Amino acid sequence: MLANVNIAFEAEIDRQAIYARLKYVGQPWLGRSTHDISYRGVDLLVGEKRIAMRYAVPVQKQAQVRQPLVLPPCTGRFRAQYNMPCYYELIPRLISGQPLKKTDWHRF
């Protein structure tokens, strides 16, 4: 029974590694992170990136919008729950083009 659990565990690790690499590899904002964290973590971060992209729009494009986008206050919940960069931390990195590093995540 333990051997079967170990086999299933190893298969799941392989599946996650392949999934994460195929779906997100090559995206410059993630850097090498797709090789360092699980696909679940990358999926969560992609959700935060979608939020960040709404507010990382250049000022010229925001001027064309009727109502300018106002960044809501940071609650710190995402960082506290997952210990991953929230959209507040992603916005400057997306604007500057800095990729994320392994140290941006909790070691677990």
N, C-alpha and C. Protein backbone atom coordinates (compact mmCIF):
# COMPACT_ATOMS: atom_id res chain seq x y z
N MET A 1 0.82 -1.18 0.00
CA MET A 1 0.00 0.00 0.00
C MET A 1 0.87 1.27 0.00
N LEU A 2 1.93 1.27 0.79
CA LEU A 2 2.83 2.43 0.82
C LEU A 2 3.55 2.61 -0.51
N ALA A 3 3.87 1.51 -1.16
CA ALA A 3 4.52 1.59 -2.46
C ALA A 3 3.59 2.25 -3.48
N ASN A 4 2.30 1.92 -3.42
CA ASN A 4 1.33 2.52 -4.34
C ASN A 4 1.17 4.01 -4.08
N VAL A 5 1.16 4.40 -2.82
CA VAL A 5 1.06 5.81 -2.46
C VAL A 5 2.29 6.56 -2.97
N ASN A 6 3.46 5.96 -2.81
CA ASN A 6 4.69 6.59 -3.28
C ASN A 6 4.69 6.73 -4.80
N ILE A 7 4.22 5.73 -5.49
CA ILE A 7 4.15 5.79 -6.96
C ILE A 7 3.20 6.90 -7.40
N ALA A 8 2.04 6.97 -6.74
CA ALA A 8 1.07 8.01 -7.07
C ALA A 8 1.63 9.40 -6.78
N PHE A 9 2.36 9.53 -5.69
CA PHE A 9 2.96 10.80 -5.32
C PHE A 9 3.99 11.23 -6.37
N GLU A 10 4.85 10.33 -6.77
CA GLU A 10 5.87 10.64 -7.79
C GLU A 10 5.22 11.00 -9.12
N ALA A 11 4.14 10.30 -9.47
CA ALA A 11 3.44 10.60 -10.72
C ALA A 11 2.83 12.00 -10.68
N GLU A 12 2.28 12.39 -9.52
CA GLU A 12 1.69 13.72 -9.37
C GLU A 12 2.76 14.80 -9.46
N ILE A 13 3.91 14.57 -8.90
CA ILE A 13 5.02 15.53 -9.00
C ILE A 13 5.42 15.71 -10.46
N ASP A 14 5.54 14.62 -11.18
CA ASP A 14 5.90 14.71 -12.59
C ASP A 14 4.83 15.45 -13.39
N ARG A 15 3.56 15.18 -13.09
CA ARG A 15 2.46 15.83 -13.80
C ARG A 15 2.48 17.33 -13.55
N GLN A 16 2.70 17.73 -12.31
CA GLN A 16 2.76 19.15 -11.98
C GLN A 16 3.91 19.84 -12.68
N ALA A 17 5.04 19.20 -12.71
CA ALA A 17 6.21 19.80 -13.34
C ALA A 17 5.98 20.02 -14.83
N ILE A 18 5.42 19.04 -15.49
CA ILE A 18 5.15 19.15 -16.93
C ILE A 18 4.10 20.21 -17.20
N TYR A 19 3.02 20.21 -16.41
CA TYR A 19 1.94 21.18 -16.58
C TYR A 19 2.45 22.60 -16.45
N ALA A 20 3.19 22.86 -15.39
CA ALA A 20 3.69 24.22 -15.14
C ALA A 20 4.63 24.66 -16.24
N ARG A 21 5.48 23.79 -16.67
CA ARG A 21 6.45 24.18 -17.69
C ARG A 21 5.77 24.44 -19.03
N LEU A 22 4.81 23.61 -19.40
CA LEU A 22 4.16 23.80 -20.69
C LEU A 22 3.27 25.04 -20.71
N LYS A 23 2.58 25.30 -19.63
CA LYS A 23 1.63 26.39 -19.62
C LYS A 23 2.29 27.76 -19.45
N TYR A 24 3.34 27.85 -18.65
CA TYR A 24 3.89 29.16 -18.30
C TYR A 24 5.35 29.37 -18.66
N VAL A 25 6.03 28.36 -19.14
CA VAL A 25 7.45 28.52 -19.44
C VAL A 25 7.62 29.56 -20.56
N GLY A 26 8.66 30.34 -20.44
CA GLY A 26 8.95 31.34 -21.46
C GLY A 26 8.33 32.70 -21.19
N GLN A 27 7.54 32.82 -20.13
CA GLN A 27 6.99 34.13 -19.81
C GLN A 27 8.04 34.90 -19.01
N PRO A 28 8.51 36.02 -19.55
CA PRO A 28 9.64 36.71 -18.91
C PRO A 28 9.36 37.20 -17.49
N TRP A 29 8.14 37.55 -17.17
CA TRP A 29 7.85 38.07 -15.83
C TRP A 29 7.98 36.99 -14.77
N LEU A 30 7.85 35.73 -15.14
CA LEU A 30 8.00 34.63 -14.18
C LEU A 30 9.45 34.21 -14.00
N GLY A 31 10.29 34.57 -14.95
CA GLY A 31 11.69 34.18 -14.85
C GLY A 31 11.82 32.67 -14.79
N ARG A 32 12.62 32.18 -13.88
CA ARG A 32 12.85 30.75 -13.73
C ARG A 32 11.91 30.12 -12.70
N SER A 33 10.96 30.89 -12.22
CA SER A 33 10.07 30.44 -11.15
C SER A 33 9.25 29.22 -11.52
N THR A 34 8.95 29.05 -12.80
CA THR A 34 8.16 27.88 -13.19
C THR A 34 8.89 26.58 -12.90
N HIS A 35 10.20 26.64 -12.76
CA HIS A 35 10.98 25.45 -12.44
C HIS A 35 11.13 25.26 -10.94
N ASP A 36 10.81 26.29 -10.17
CA ASP A 36 11.07 26.26 -8.74
C ASP A 36 9.84 26.05 -7.86
N ILE A 37 8.65 26.37 -8.38
CA ILE A 37 7.45 26.25 -7.56
C ILE A 37 6.41 25.38 -8.26
N SER A 38 5.39 24.98 -7.52
CA SER A 38 4.37 24.08 -8.07
C SER A 38 3.46 24.83 -9.04
N TYR A 39 2.73 24.07 -9.85
CA TYR A 39 1.83 24.72 -10.80
C TYR A 39 0.71 25.44 -10.06
N ARG A 40 0.31 24.96 -8.91
CA ARG A 40 -0.74 25.63 -8.12
C ARG A 40 -0.27 27.03 -7.71
N GLY A 41 0.96 27.14 -7.29
CA GLY A 41 1.51 28.44 -6.94
C GLY A 41 1.58 29.37 -8.12
N VAL A 42 1.98 28.85 -9.26
CA VAL A 42 2.05 29.68 -10.47
C VAL A 42 0.65 30.11 -10.89
N ASP A 43 -0.33 29.21 -10.79
CA ASP A 43 -1.71 29.58 -11.12
C ASP A 43 -2.22 30.72 -10.24
N LEU A 44 -1.92 30.64 -8.95
CA LEU A 44 -2.33 31.70 -8.04
C LEU A 44 -1.68 33.02 -8.41
N LEU A 45 -0.41 32.95 -8.78
CA LEU A 45 0.31 34.16 -9.14
C LEU A 45 -0.20 34.76 -10.45
N VAL A 46 -0.59 33.92 -11.37
CA VAL A 46 -1.15 34.42 -12.63
C VAL A 46 -2.45 35.19 -12.36
N GLY A 47 -3.23 34.72 -11.40
CA GLY A 47 -4.44 35.45 -11.01
C GLY A 47 -4.11 36.83 -10.46
N GLU A 48 -3.06 36.92 -9.66
CA GLU A 48 -2.62 38.22 -9.13
C GLU A 48 -2.09 39.10 -10.25
N LYS A 49 -1.46 38.49 -11.23
CA LYS A 49 -0.93 39.28 -12.36
C LYS A 49 -2.08 39.90 -13.15
N ARG A 50 -3.17 39.15 -13.30
CA ARG A 50 -4.32 39.71 -14.02
C ARG A 50 -4.86 40.95 -13.31
N ILE A 51 -4.90 40.90 -11.99
CA ILE A 51 -5.34 42.08 -11.23
C ILE A 51 -4.33 43.21 -11.41
N ALA A 52 -3.05 42.90 -11.32
CA ALA A 52 -2.01 43.92 -11.43
C ALA A 52 -2.02 44.58 -12.80
N MET A 53 -2.31 43.83 -13.83
CA MET A 53 -2.29 44.39 -15.19
C MET A 53 -3.35 45.47 -15.37
N ARG A 54 -4.43 45.41 -14.62
CA ARG A 54 -5.44 46.47 -14.71
C ARG A 54 -4.89 47.81 -14.27
N TYR A 55 -3.97 47.77 -13.30
CA TYR A 55 -3.45 49.00 -12.72
C TYR A 55 -2.07 49.37 -13.27
N ALA A 56 -1.45 48.49 -14.02
CA ALA A 56 -0.13 48.76 -14.59
C ALA A 56 -0.24 49.34 -15.99
N VAL A 57 -1.44 49.75 -16.37
CA VAL A 57 -1.67 50.34 -17.69
C VAL A 57 -0.98 51.70 -17.74
N PRO A 58 -0.32 52.02 -18.85
CA PRO A 58 0.33 53.33 -18.97
C PRO A 58 -0.66 54.47 -18.73
N VAL A 59 -0.15 55.59 -18.27
CA VAL A 59 -0.98 56.75 -17.92
C VAL A 59 -1.75 57.26 -19.14
N GLN A 60 -1.16 57.19 -20.34
CA GLN A 60 -1.85 57.68 -21.53
C GLN A 60 -3.14 56.90 -21.78
N LYS A 61 -3.09 55.59 -21.58
CA LYS A 61 -4.28 54.78 -21.80
C LYS A 61 -5.31 55.02 -20.71
N GLN A 62 -4.87 55.29 -19.49
CA GLN A 62 -5.81 55.57 -18.41
C GLN A 62 -6.53 56.89 -18.66
N ALA A 63 -5.87 57.83 -19.33
CA ALA A 63 -6.49 59.13 -19.61
C ALA A 63 -7.64 58.96 -20.59
N GLN A 64 -7.58 57.94 -21.44
CA GLN A 64 -8.63 57.70 -22.41
C GLN A 64 -9.86 57.06 -21.77
N VAL A 65 -9.67 56.45 -20.61
CA VAL A 65 -10.79 55.82 -19.91
C VAL A 65 -11.58 56.90 -19.19
N ARG A 66 -12.89 56.75 -19.15
CA ARG A 66 -13.73 57.77 -18.50
C ARG A 66 -13.38 57.96 -17.04
N GLN A 67 -13.29 56.85 -16.34
CA GLN A 67 -12.99 56.91 -14.92
C GLN A 67 -11.61 56.30 -14.69
N PRO A 68 -10.66 57.06 -14.17
CA PRO A 68 -9.32 56.50 -13.96
C PRO A 68 -9.36 55.38 -12.92
N LEU A 69 -8.50 54.41 -13.10
CA LEU A 69 -8.43 53.29 -12.17
C LEU A 69 -7.70 53.71 -10.91
N VAL A 70 -8.32 53.44 -9.78
CA VAL A 70 -7.72 53.77 -8.49
C VAL A 70 -7.36 52.45 -7.82
N LEU A 71 -6.12 52.34 -7.45
CA LEU A 71 -5.63 51.13 -6.81
C LEU A 71 -6.25 50.99 -5.42
N PRO A 72 -6.99 49.90 -5.18
CA PRO A 72 -7.59 49.73 -3.85
C PRO A 72 -6.50 49.49 -2.81
N PRO A 73 -6.80 49.75 -1.55
CA PRO A 73 -5.78 49.55 -0.52
C PRO A 73 -5.40 48.08 -0.38
N CYS A 74 -4.15 47.84 -0.12
CA CYS A 74 -3.66 46.47 0.04
C CYS A 74 -4.08 45.92 1.40
N THR A 75 -4.69 44.76 1.38
CA THR A 75 -5.11 44.13 2.64
C THR A 75 -4.01 43.23 3.19
N GLY A 76 -3.09 42.81 2.34
CA GLY A 76 -2.01 41.93 2.78
C GLY A 76 -2.44 40.48 2.95
N ARG A 77 -3.66 40.17 2.57
CA ARG A 77 -4.18 38.81 2.76
C ARG A 77 -3.47 37.78 1.88
N PHE A 78 -3.24 38.15 0.62
CA PHE A 78 -2.61 37.18 -0.30
C PHE A 78 -1.21 36.83 0.18
N ARG A 79 -0.44 37.83 0.56
CA ARG A 79 0.92 37.59 1.05
C ARG A 79 0.87 36.80 2.35
N ALA A 80 -0.06 37.12 3.23
CA ALA A 80 -0.16 36.41 4.51
C ALA A 80 -0.60 34.95 4.31
N GLN A 81 -1.53 34.73 3.39
CA GLN A 81 -2.05 33.38 3.20
C GLN A 81 -1.09 32.49 2.42
N TYR A 82 -0.55 32.99 1.33
CA TYR A 82 0.27 32.16 0.45
C TYR A 82 1.76 32.47 0.52
N ASN A 83 2.12 33.59 1.12
CA ASN A 83 3.50 34.07 1.17
C ASN A 83 4.11 34.14 -0.22
N MET A 84 3.32 34.73 -1.10
CA MET A 84 3.73 34.97 -2.48
C MET A 84 3.48 36.44 -2.78
N PRO A 85 4.13 36.98 -3.81
CA PRO A 85 3.93 38.39 -4.13
C PRO A 85 2.48 38.68 -4.52
N CYS A 86 1.90 39.71 -3.94
CA CYS A 86 0.55 40.12 -4.31
C CYS A 86 0.62 41.11 -5.47
N TYR A 87 -0.53 41.56 -5.94
CA TYR A 87 -0.52 42.45 -7.09
C TYR A 87 0.17 43.77 -6.79
N TYR A 88 0.17 44.20 -5.53
CA TYR A 88 0.91 45.41 -5.16
C TYR A 88 2.40 45.26 -5.43
N GLU A 89 2.93 44.09 -5.17
CA GLU A 89 4.35 43.84 -5.40
C GLU A 89 4.63 43.55 -6.87
N LEU A 90 3.63 43.06 -7.59
CA LEU A 90 3.83 42.73 -9.00
C LEU A 90 3.83 43.95 -9.90
N ILE A 91 3.04 44.96 -9.57
CA ILE A 91 2.92 46.13 -10.44
C ILE A 91 4.28 46.76 -10.76
N PRO A 92 5.11 47.10 -9.77
CA PRO A 92 6.42 47.69 -10.11
C PRO A 92 7.31 46.75 -10.92
N ARG A 93 7.22 45.46 -10.64
CA ARG A 93 8.04 44.50 -11.38
C ARG A 93 7.58 44.37 -12.81
N LEU A 94 6.28 44.39 -13.04
CA LEU A 94 5.77 44.31 -14.41
C LEU A 94 6.13 45.55 -15.20
N ILE A 95 6.05 46.70 -14.57
CA ILE A 95 6.39 47.95 -15.25
C ILE A 95 7.88 48.00 -15.57
N SER A 96 8.73 47.59 -14.62
CA SER A 96 10.17 47.64 -14.84
C SER A 96 10.70 46.45 -15.63
N GLY A 97 9.91 45.39 -15.76
CA GLY A 97 10.34 44.21 -16.50
C GLY A 97 11.21 43.27 -15.70
N GLN A 98 11.22 43.43 -14.38
CA GLN A 98 12.02 42.53 -13.53
C GLN A 98 11.31 41.19 -13.39
N PRO A 99 12.01 40.09 -13.64
CA PRO A 99 11.39 38.78 -13.42
C PRO A 99 11.34 38.43 -11.94
N LEU A 100 10.42 37.56 -11.58
CA LEU A 100 10.34 37.08 -10.20
C LEU A 100 11.46 36.08 -9.95
N LYS A 101 11.84 35.97 -8.68
CA LYS A 101 12.91 35.05 -8.30
C LYS A 101 12.36 34.04 -7.30
N LYS A 102 13.12 33.00 -7.09
CA LYS A 102 12.73 31.96 -6.15
C LYS A 102 12.57 32.51 -4.74
N THR A 103 13.33 33.52 -4.41
CA THR A 103 13.28 34.09 -3.07
C THR A 103 11.99 34.89 -2.81
N ASP A 104 11.19 35.14 -3.84
CA ASP A 104 9.94 35.84 -3.67
C ASP A 104 8.85 34.97 -3.05
N TRP A 105 9.09 33.67 -3.00
CA TRP A 105 8.14 32.73 -2.45
C TRP A 105 8.64 32.18 -1.13
N HIS A 106 7.72 31.70 -0.35
CA HIS A 106 8.07 31.00 0.88
C HIS A 106 8.80 29.71 0.50
N ARG A 107 9.72 29.27 1.29
CA ARG A 107 10.52 28.11 0.91
C ARG A 107 9.72 26.82 0.89
N PHE A 108 8.55 26.80 1.51
CA PHE A 108 7.71 25.60 1.47
C PHE A 108 6.71 25.70 0.36
